[in-house]
Protein backbone atom coordinates (compact mmCIF):
# COMPACT_ATOMS: atom_id res chain seq x y z
CA MET A 1 7.80 38.90 12.04
CA PRO A 2 5.76 37.34 9.21
CA PRO A 3 4.02 39.50 6.69
CA LEU A 4 0.40 40.45 7.37
CA ARG A 5 -2.49 39.02 5.23
CA GLY A 6 -5.86 40.55 5.97
CA GLY A 7 -4.50 42.12 9.18
CA LYS A 8 -3.44 38.57 10.46
CA PRO A 9 0.05 37.14 10.56
CA PHE A 10 0.58 34.98 7.45
CA SER A 11 3.06 32.07 6.96
CA PHE A 12 4.01 30.98 3.45
CA TYR A 13 3.65 27.32 4.65
CA SER A 14 0.11 27.66 5.93
CA PHE A 15 -2.53 25.91 3.92
CA PRO A 16 -6.11 26.83 3.20
CA ILE A 17 -8.75 25.10 5.15
CA ALA A 18 -11.23 23.11 3.03
CA THR A 19 -14.72 24.34 2.78
CA SER A 20 -17.77 22.38 2.26
CA ARG A 21 -17.68 23.14 -1.50
CA ALA A 22 -14.10 21.96 -1.76
CA ARG A 23 -13.36 18.65 -3.51
CA CYS A 24 -10.55 16.39 -2.51
CA PHE A 25 -8.78 14.40 -5.34
CA HIS A 26 -6.71 11.32 -4.79
CA MET A 27 -6.80 9.44 -8.09
CA ALA A 28 -4.31 10.14 -10.95
CA GLU A 29 -7.13 10.36 -13.48
CA ASP A 30 -8.67 13.39 -11.78
CA LEU A 31 -5.42 15.40 -11.54
CA ASN A 32 -4.07 17.72 -14.25
CA ARG A 33 -0.37 17.84 -15.04
CA PHE A 34 0.36 20.77 -12.54
CA GLU A 35 -1.32 18.98 -9.62
CA LYS A 36 0.57 15.74 -10.47
CA ALA A 37 3.92 17.63 -10.58
CA ARG A 38 3.13 19.45 -7.27
CA LEU A 39 2.36 16.18 -5.50
CA ILE A 40 5.44 14.32 -6.94
CA GLY A 41 7.66 17.27 -6.11
CA ALA A 42 6.26 17.69 -2.48
CA ARG A 43 6.74 13.95 -1.84
CA ALA A 44 10.22 14.10 -3.23
CA LEU A 45 11.10 16.91 -0.84
CA GLN A 46 9.78 14.94 2.06
CA LEU A 47 11.92 11.94 0.93
CA ALA A 48 14.98 14.21 0.47
CA MET A 49 14.46 15.55 4.06
CA GLY A 50 14.56 12.00 5.46
CA ALA A 51 10.93 10.61 5.30
CA PRO A 52 10.80 6.92 4.87
CA PRO A 53 9.71 5.63 1.44
CA LEU A 54 6.26 3.92 1.42
CA ILE A 55 7.33 1.27 -1.19
CA GLU A 56 10.37 -1.19 -1.22
CA VAL A 57 13.24 0.38 -2.86
CA LEU A 58 16.71 -0.77 -3.44
CA ASP A 59 18.42 2.54 -4.35
CA LYS A 60 17.39 5.46 -2.06
CA THR A 61 19.63 7.97 -3.73
CA ASN A 62 16.98 9.59 -6.07
CA PRO A 63 13.84 10.83 -4.24
CA VAL A 64 12.14 11.91 -7.46
CA ARG A 65 12.27 8.47 -8.91
CA ILE A 66 10.79 6.98 -5.63
CA SER A 67 8.12 9.59 -5.51
CA PHE A 68 7.26 8.83 -9.22
CA GLU A 69 6.89 5.13 -8.26
CA GLU A 70 4.81 5.94 -5.24
CA PHE A 71 2.54 8.07 -7.28
CA ASP A 72 2.20 5.32 -9.97
CA ARG A 73 1.23 2.80 -7.24
CA GLY A 74 -1.15 5.26 -5.63
CA VAL A 75 0.42 5.27 -2.19
CA ILE A 76 1.43 8.90 -1.92
CA PRO A 77 -0.04 10.23 1.34
CA LEU A 78 -1.09 13.61 -0.14
CA ALA A 79 -4.21 14.92 -1.67
CA VAL A 80 -5.27 17.93 -3.78
CA ILE A 81 -8.07 20.13 -2.41
CA ARG A 82 -9.73 22.37 -4.90
CA GLY A 83 -11.88 25.12 -3.48
């Protein structure tokens, strides 16, 4: 049974719902180094678990390098929501 948070079951993998005051960031200039690292790490994990790369790559053995390249090209399908 998952732990309780505020009397409701809580999953570590649940994400907060964006409110009207939240801002969504996609551009690299708007992100700080921690958000950039989180996006690249999350995408690298997706690639390591079998997600297809969104760019043309020759060597699919290093998901971190692929996610760095996807981030630099701006094609990572993730966004940062600040609340």
